[in-house]
Amino acid sequence: MPKMKTHRGAAKRFKVTKSGKVKRAKAYKSHILTKKSPKRKRNLRKAAMMPKAEERRIRKVLPYA
């Protein structure tokens, strides 16, 4: 059986924590930032965890993470 390839796009977007949860960055932080409040922008910096249902899909494309 050949080695599975990691989906490189997913590898750049998601990290698997030591406890096995999938960590992701929040959206809406790239442009049109002038109308967003400083508090909102600050909260978008923080990482978020993927929901369990989505986590299974991400795990498939990150076989060795």
PDB file of N, CA and C in Angstrom:
ATOM      1  N   MET A   1       0.855  -1.196   0.000  1.00  0.00           N
ATOM      2  CA  MET A   1       0.000   0.000   0.000  1.00  0.00           C
ATOM      3  C   MET A   1       0.888   1.243   0.000  1.00  0.00           C
ATOM      4  N   PRO A   2       0.727   2.152  -0.968  1.00  0.00           N
ATOM      5  CA  PRO A   2       1.553   3.365  -0.983  1.00  0.00           C
ATOM      6  C   PRO A   2       1.148   4.330   0.131  1.00  0.00           C
ATOM      7  N   LYS A   3       2.075   5.243   0.408  1.00  0.00           N
ATOM      8  CA  LYS A   3       1.785   6.245   1.422  1.00  0.00           C
ATOM      9  C   LYS A   3       0.679   7.171   0.928  1.00  0.00           C
ATOM     10  N   MET A   4      -0.145   7.655   1.848  1.00  0.00           N
ATOM     11  CA  MET A   4      -1.194   8.608   1.488  1.00  0.00           C
ATOM     12  C   MET A   4      -0.582   9.993   1.391  1.00  0.00           C
ATOM     13  N   LYS A   5      -1.085  10.776   0.464  1.00  0.00           N
ATOM     14  CA  LYS A   5      -0.590  12.146   0.339  1.00  0.00           C
ATOM     15  C   LYS A   5      -1.429  13.079   1.204  1.00  0.00           C
ATOM     16  N   THR A   6      -0.747  14.020   1.831  1.00  0.00           N
ATOM     17  CA  THR A   6      -1.412  15.058   2.617  1.00  0.00           C
ATOM     18  C   THR A   6      -1.928  16.114   1.661  1.00  0.00           C
ATOM     19  N   HIS A   7      -3.145  16.574   1.879  1.00  0.00           N
ATOM     20  CA  HIS A   7      -3.713  17.665   1.083  1.00  0.00           C
ATOM     21  C   HIS A   7      -3.005  18.946   1.516  1.00  0.00           C
ATOM     22  N   ARG A   8      -2.171  19.504   0.638  1.00  0.00           N
ATOM     23  CA  ARG A   8      -1.309  20.619   1.034  1.00  0.00           C
ATOM     24  C   ARG A   8      -2.092  21.878   1.395  1.00  0.00           C
ATOM     25  N   GLY A   9      -3.223  22.096   0.729  1.00  0.00           N
ATOM     26  CA  GLY A   9      -4.058  23.259   1.062  1.00  0.00           C
ATOM     27  C   GLY A   9      -4.599  23.147   2.472  1.00  0.00           C
ATOM     28  N   ALA A  10      -5.021  21.939   2.849  1.00  0.00           N
ATOM     29  CA  ALA A  10      -5.545  21.704   4.200  1.00  0.00           C
ATOM     30  C   ALA A  10      -4.429  21.802   5.234  1.00  0.00           C
ATOM     31  N   ALA A  11      -3.253  21.328   4.885  1.00  0.00           N
ATOM     32  CA  ALA A  11      -2.122  21.344   5.813  1.00  0.00           C
ATOM     33  C   ALA A  11      -1.744  22.775   6.192  1.00  0.00           C
ATOM     34  N   LYS A  12      -1.923  23.705   5.247  1.00  0.00           N
ATOM     35  CA  LYS A  12      -1.593  25.108   5.514  1.00  0.00           C
ATOM     36  C   LYS A  12      -2.671  25.794   6.351  1.00  0.00           C
ATOM     37  N   ARG A  13      -3.879  25.264   6.341  1.00  0.00           N
ATOM     38  CA  ARG A  13      -5.000  25.917   7.023  1.00  0.00           C
ATOM     39  C   ARG A  13      -5.329  25.338   8.394  1.00  0.00           C
ATOM     40  N   PHE A  14      -5.010  24.073   8.616  1.00  0.00           N
ATOM     41  CA  PHE A  14      -5.413  23.397   9.852  1.00  0.00           C
ATOM     42  C   PHE A  14      -4.226  22.782  10.556  1.00  0.00           C
ATOM     43  N   LYS A  15      -4.296  22.771  11.892  1.00  0.00           N
ATOM     44  CA  LYS A  15      -3.287  22.098  12.714  1.00  0.00           C
ATOM     45  C   LYS A  15      -4.037  21.184  13.674  1.00  0.00           C
ATOM     46  N   VAL A  16      -3.442  20.034  13.970  1.00  0.00           N
ATOM     47  CA  VAL A  16      -4.050  19.123  14.929  1.00  0.00           C
ATOM     48  C   VAL A  16      -3.330  19.305  16.256  1.00  0.00           C
ATOM     49  N   THR A  17      -4.084  19.547  17.323  1.00  0.00           N
ATOM     50  CA  THR A  17      -3.497  19.767  18.647  1.00  0.00           C
ATOM     51  C   THR A  17      -3.093  18.427  19.257  1.00  0.00           C
ATOM     52  N   LYS A  18      -2.379  18.495  20.351  1.00  0.00           N
ATOM     53  CA  LYS A  18      -1.908  17.288  21.017  1.00  0.00           C
ATOM     54  C   LYS A  18      -3.072  16.421  21.502  1.00  0.00           C
ATOM     55  N   SER A  19      -4.164  17.074  21.907  1.00  0.00           N
ATOM     56  CA  SER A  19      -5.336  16.323  22.372  1.00  0.00           C
ATOM     57  C   SER A  19      -6.173  15.789  21.209  1.00  0.00           C
ATOM     58  N   GLY A  20      -5.792  16.158  19.967  1.00  0.00           N
ATOM     59  CA  GLY A  20      -6.480  15.607  18.802  1.00  0.00           C
ATOM     60  C   GLY A  20      -7.546  16.487  18.183  1.00  0.00           C
ATOM     61  N   LYS A  21      -7.724  17.691  18.727  1.00  0.00           N
ATOM     62  CA  LYS A  21      -8.709  18.609  18.145  1.00  0.00           C
ATOM     63  C   LYS A  21      -8.079  19.305  16.942  1.00  0.00           C
ATOM     64  N   VAL A  22      -8.933  19.765  16.015  1.00  0.00           N
ATOM     65  CA  VAL A  22      -8.435  20.466  14.828  1.00  0.00           C
ATOM     66  C   VAL A  22      -8.615  21.968  15.028  1.00  0.00           C
ATOM     67  N   LYS A  23      -7.501  22.683  14.894  1.00  0.00           N
ATOM     68  CA  LYS A  23      -7.476  24.125  15.112  1.00  0.00           C
ATOM     69  C   LYS A  23      -7.493  24.829  13.757  1.00  0.00           C
ATOM     70  N   ARG A  24      -8.201  25.954  13.678  1.00  0.00           N
ATOM     71  CA  ARG A  24      -8.269  26.715  12.431  1.00  0.00           C
ATOM     72  C   ARG A  24      -8.235  28.212  12.735  1.00  0.00           C
ATOM     73  N   ALA A  25      -7.957  28.997  11.718  1.00  0.00           N
ATOM     74  CA  ALA A  25      -8.000  30.464  11.853  1.00  0.00           C
ATOM     75  C   ALA A  25      -9.409  30.935  11.532  1.00  0.00           C
ATOM     76  N   LYS A  26      -9.772  32.080  12.062  1.00  0.00           N
ATOM     77  CA  LYS A  26     -11.105  32.628  11.789  1.00  0.00           C
ATOM     78  C   LYS A  26     -11.105  33.374  10.460  1.00  0.00           C
ATOM     79  N   ALA A  27     -12.264  33.445   9.829  1.00  0.00           N
ATOM     80  CA  ALA A  27     -12.415  34.128   8.542  1.00  0.00           C
ATOM     81  C   ALA A  27     -12.709  35.608   8.759  1.00  0.00           C
ATOM     82  N   TYR A  28     -12.787  36.362   7.666  1.00  0.00           N
ATOM     83  CA  TYR A  28     -13.153  37.785   7.648  1.00  0.00           C
ATOM     84  C   TYR A  28     -12.085  38.699   8.239  1.00  0.00           C
ATOM     85  N   LYS A  29     -10.812  38.349   8.107  1.00  0.00           N
ATOM     86  CA  LYS A  29      -9.751  39.183   8.663  1.00  0.00           C
ATOM     87  C   LYS A  29      -8.791  39.669   7.574  1.00  0.00           C
ATOM     88  N   SER A  30      -9.126  39.452   6.291  1.00  0.00           N
ATOM     89  CA  SER A  30      -8.151  39.749   5.243  1.00  0.00           C
ATOM     90  C   SER A  30      -8.292  41.139   4.625  1.00  0.00           C
ATOM     91  N   HIS A  31      -9.496  41.639   4.420  1.00  0.00           N
ATOM     92  CA  HIS A  31      -9.653  42.955   3.794  1.00  0.00           C
ATOM     93  C   HIS A  31     -10.964  43.594   4.240  1.00  0.00           C
ATOM     94  N   ILE A  32     -11.165  44.843   3.822  1.00  0.00           N
ATOM     95  CA  ILE A  32     -12.307  45.674   4.263  1.00  0.00           C
ATOM     96  C   ILE A  32     -12.340  45.715   5.799  1.00  0.00           C
ATOM     97  N   LEU A  33     -11.205  46.114   6.370  1.00  0.00           N
ATOM     98  CA  LEU A  33     -11.086  46.114   7.825  1.00  0.00           C
ATOM     99  C   LEU A  33     -11.495  47.444   8.448  1.00  0.00           C
ATOM    100  N   THR A  34     -11.680  48.469   7.629  1.00  0.00           N
ATOM    101  CA  THR A  34     -11.972  49.796   8.177  1.00  0.00           C
ATOM    102  C   THR A  34     -13.329  49.851   8.864  1.00  0.00           C
ATOM    103  N   LYS A  35     -14.292  49.116   8.350  1.00  0.00           N
ATOM    104  CA  LYS A  35     -15.636  49.155   8.952  1.00  0.00           C
ATOM    105  C   LYS A  35     -15.806  48.194  10.127  1.00  0.00           C
ATOM    106  N   LYS A  36     -14.797  47.382  10.374  1.00  0.00           N
ATOM    107  CA  LYS A  36     -14.866  46.441  11.497  1.00  0.00           C
ATOM    108  C   LYS A  36     -14.255  47.089  12.737  1.00  0.00           C
ATOM    109  N   SER A  37     -14.893  46.867  13.864  1.00  0.00           N
ATOM    110  CA  SER A  37     -14.424  47.496  15.099  1.00  0.00           C
ATOM    111  C   SER A  37     -13.126  46.839  15.570  1.00  0.00           C
ATOM    112  N   PRO A  38     -12.306  47.571  16.340  1.00  0.00           N
ATOM    113  CA  PRO A  38     -11.065  47.001  16.854  1.00  0.00           C
ATOM    114  C   PRO A  38     -11.308  45.735  17.684  1.00  0.00           C
ATOM    115  N   LYS A  39     -12.398  45.725  18.438  1.00  0.00           N
ATOM    116  CA  LYS A  39     -12.713  44.556  19.263  1.00  0.00           C
ATOM    117  C   LYS A  39     -12.976  43.328  18.387  1.00  0.00           C
ATOM    118  N   ARG A  40     -13.733  43.564  17.311  1.00  0.00           N
ATOM    119  CA  ARG A  40     -14.060  42.467  16.391  1.00  0.00           C
ATOM    120  C   ARG A  40     -12.794  41.928  15.717  1.00  0.00           C
ATOM    121  N   LYS A  41     -11.926  42.842  15.284  1.00  0.00           N
ATOM    122  CA  LYS A  41     -10.672  42.436  14.632  1.00  0.00           C
ATOM    123  C   LYS A  41      -9.758  41.693  15.596  1.00  0.00           C
ATOM    124  N   ARG A  42      -9.739  42.142  16.830  1.00  0.00           N
ATOM    125  CA  ARG A  42      -8.917  41.501  17.860  1.00  0.00           C
ATOM    126  C   ARG A  42      -9.384  40.070  18.108  1.00  0.00           C
ATOM    127  N   ASN A  43     -10.708  39.886  18.160  1.00  0.00           N
ATOM    128  CA  ASN A  43     -11.257  38.550  18.384  1.00  0.00           C
ATOM    129  C   ASN A  43     -11.042  37.623  17.195  1.00  0.00           C
ATOM    130  N   LEU A  44     -10.909  38.181  16.005  1.00  0.00           N
ATOM    131  CA  LEU A  44     -10.653  37.367  14.813  1.00  0.00           C
ATOM    132  C   LEU A  44      -9.226  36.823  14.778  1.00  0.00           C
ATOM    133  N   ARG A  45      -8.337  37.402  15.583  1.00  0.00           N
ATOM    134  CA  ARG A  45      -6.956  36.910  15.649  1.00  0.00           C
ATOM    135  C   ARG A  45      -6.871  35.543  16.317  1.00  0.00           C
ATOM    136  N   LYS A  46      -7.767  35.299  17.250  1.00  0.00           N
ATOM    137  CA  LYS A  46      -7.720  34.063  18.034  1.00  0.00           C
ATOM    138  C   LYS A  46      -8.062  32.855  17.171  1.00  0.00           C
ATOM    139  N   ALA A  47      -7.453  31.738  17.490  1.00  0.00           N
ATOM    140  CA  ALA A  47      -7.736  30.496  16.766  1.00  0.00           C
ATOM    141  C   ALA A  47      -9.074  29.930  17.227  1.00  0.00           C
ATOM    142  N   ALA A  48      -9.677  29.131  16.366  1.00  0.00           N
ATOM    143  CA  ALA A  48     -10.947  28.484  16.696  1.00  0.00           C
ATOM    144  C   ALA A  48     -10.784  26.986  16.473  1.00  0.00           C
ATOM    145  N   MET A  49     -11.655  26.202  17.103  1.00  0.00           N
ATOM    146  CA  MET A  49     -11.634  24.755  16.924  1.00  0.00           C
ATOM    147  C   MET A  49     -12.714  24.355  15.930  1.00  0.00           C
ATOM    148  N   MET A  50     -12.450  23.320  15.174  1.00  0.00           N
ATOM    149  CA  MET A  50     -13.429  22.818  14.207  1.00  0.00           C
ATOM    150  C   MET A  50     -14.496  22.019  14.947  1.00  0.00           C
ATOM    151  N   PRO A  51     -15.751  22.091  14.486  1.00  0.00           N
ATOM    152  CA  PRO A  51     -16.789  21.242  15.071  1.00  0.00           C
ATOM    153  C   PRO A  51     -16.497  19.764  14.772  1.00  0.00           C
ATOM    154  N   LYS A  52     -17.015  18.878  15.606  1.00  0.00           N
ATOM    155  CA  LYS A  52     -16.757  17.437  15.464  1.00  0.00           C
ATOM    156  C   LYS A  52     -17.105  16.913  14.076  1.00  0.00           C
ATOM    157  N   ALA A  53     -18.224  17.360  13.519  1.00  0.00           N
ATOM    158  CA  ALA A  53     -18.671  16.867  12.212  1.00  0.00           C
ATOM    159  C   ALA A  53     -17.660  17.217  11.115  1.00  0.00           C
ATOM    160  N   GLU A  54     -17.118  18.436  11.173  1.00  0.00           N
ATOM    161  CA  GLU A  54     -16.149  18.868  10.164  1.00  0.00           C
ATOM    162  C   GLU A  54     -14.788  18.238  10.408  1.00  0.00           C
ATOM    163  N   GLU A  55     -14.488  17.975  11.670  1.00  0.00           N
ATOM    164  CA  GLU A  55     -13.199  17.425  12.065  1.00  0.00           C
ATOM    165  C   GLU A  55     -12.903  16.123  11.327  1.00  0.00           C
ATOM    166  N   ARG A  56     -13.910  15.297  11.172  1.00  0.00           N
ATOM    167  CA  ARG A  56     -13.723  14.009  10.500  1.00  0.00           C
ATOM    168  C   ARG A  56     -13.269  14.194   9.055  1.00  0.00           C
ATOM    169  N   ARG A  57     -13.830  15.188   8.373  1.00  0.00           N
ATOM    170  CA  ARG A  57     -13.436  15.458   6.982  1.00  0.00           C
ATOM    171  C   ARG A  57     -11.995  15.938   6.907  1.00  0.00           C
ATOM    172  N   ILE A  58     -11.601  16.790   7.833  1.00  0.00           N
ATOM    173  CA  ILE A  58     -10.246  17.331   7.834  1.00  0.00           C
ATOM    174  C   ILE A  58      -9.235  16.230   8.120  1.00  0.00           C
ATOM    175  N   ARG A  59      -9.565  15.335   9.045  1.00  0.00           N
ATOM    176  CA  ARG A  59      -8.669  14.228   9.385  1.00  0.00           C
ATOM    177  C   ARG A  59      -8.339  13.354   8.178  1.00  0.00           C
ATOM    178  N   LYS A  60      -9.308  13.182   7.289  1.00  0.00           N
ATOM    179  CA  LYS A  60      -9.100  12.357   6.093  1.00  0.00           C
ATOM    180  C   LYS A  60      -8.028  12.941   5.180  1.00  0.00           C
ATOM    181  N   VAL A  61      -8.001  14.267   5.062  1.00  0.00           N
ATOM    182  CA  VAL A  61      -7.026  14.897   4.158  1.00  0.00           C
ATOM    183  C   VAL A  61      -5.702  15.185   4.845  1.00  0.00           C
ATOM    184  N   LEU A  62      -5.645  15.011   6.177  1.00  0.00           N
ATOM    185  CA  LEU A  62      -4.383  15.150   6.929  1.00  0.00           C
ATOM    186  C   LEU A  62      -4.054  13.803   7.592  1.00  0.00           C
ATOM    187  N   PRO A  63      -3.645  12.813   6.820  1.00  0.00           N
ATOM    188  CA  PRO A  63      -3.493  11.469   7.373  1.00  0.00           C
ATOM    189  C   PRO A  63      -2.400  11.330   8.425  1.00  0.00           C
ATOM    190  N   TYR A  64      -1.350  12.155   8.364  1.00  0.00           N
ATOM    191  CA  TYR A  64      -0.240  11.988   9.311  1.00  0.00           C
ATOM    192  C   TYR A  64      -0.157  13.093  10.331  1.00  0.00           C
ATOM    193  N   ALA A  65      -1.205  13.896  10.484  1.00  0.00           N
ATOM    194  CA  ALA A  65      -1.190  15.000  11.447  1.00  0.00           C
ATOM    195  C   ALA A  65      -1.648  14.541  12.815  1.00  0.00           C
TER     196      ALA A  65
END
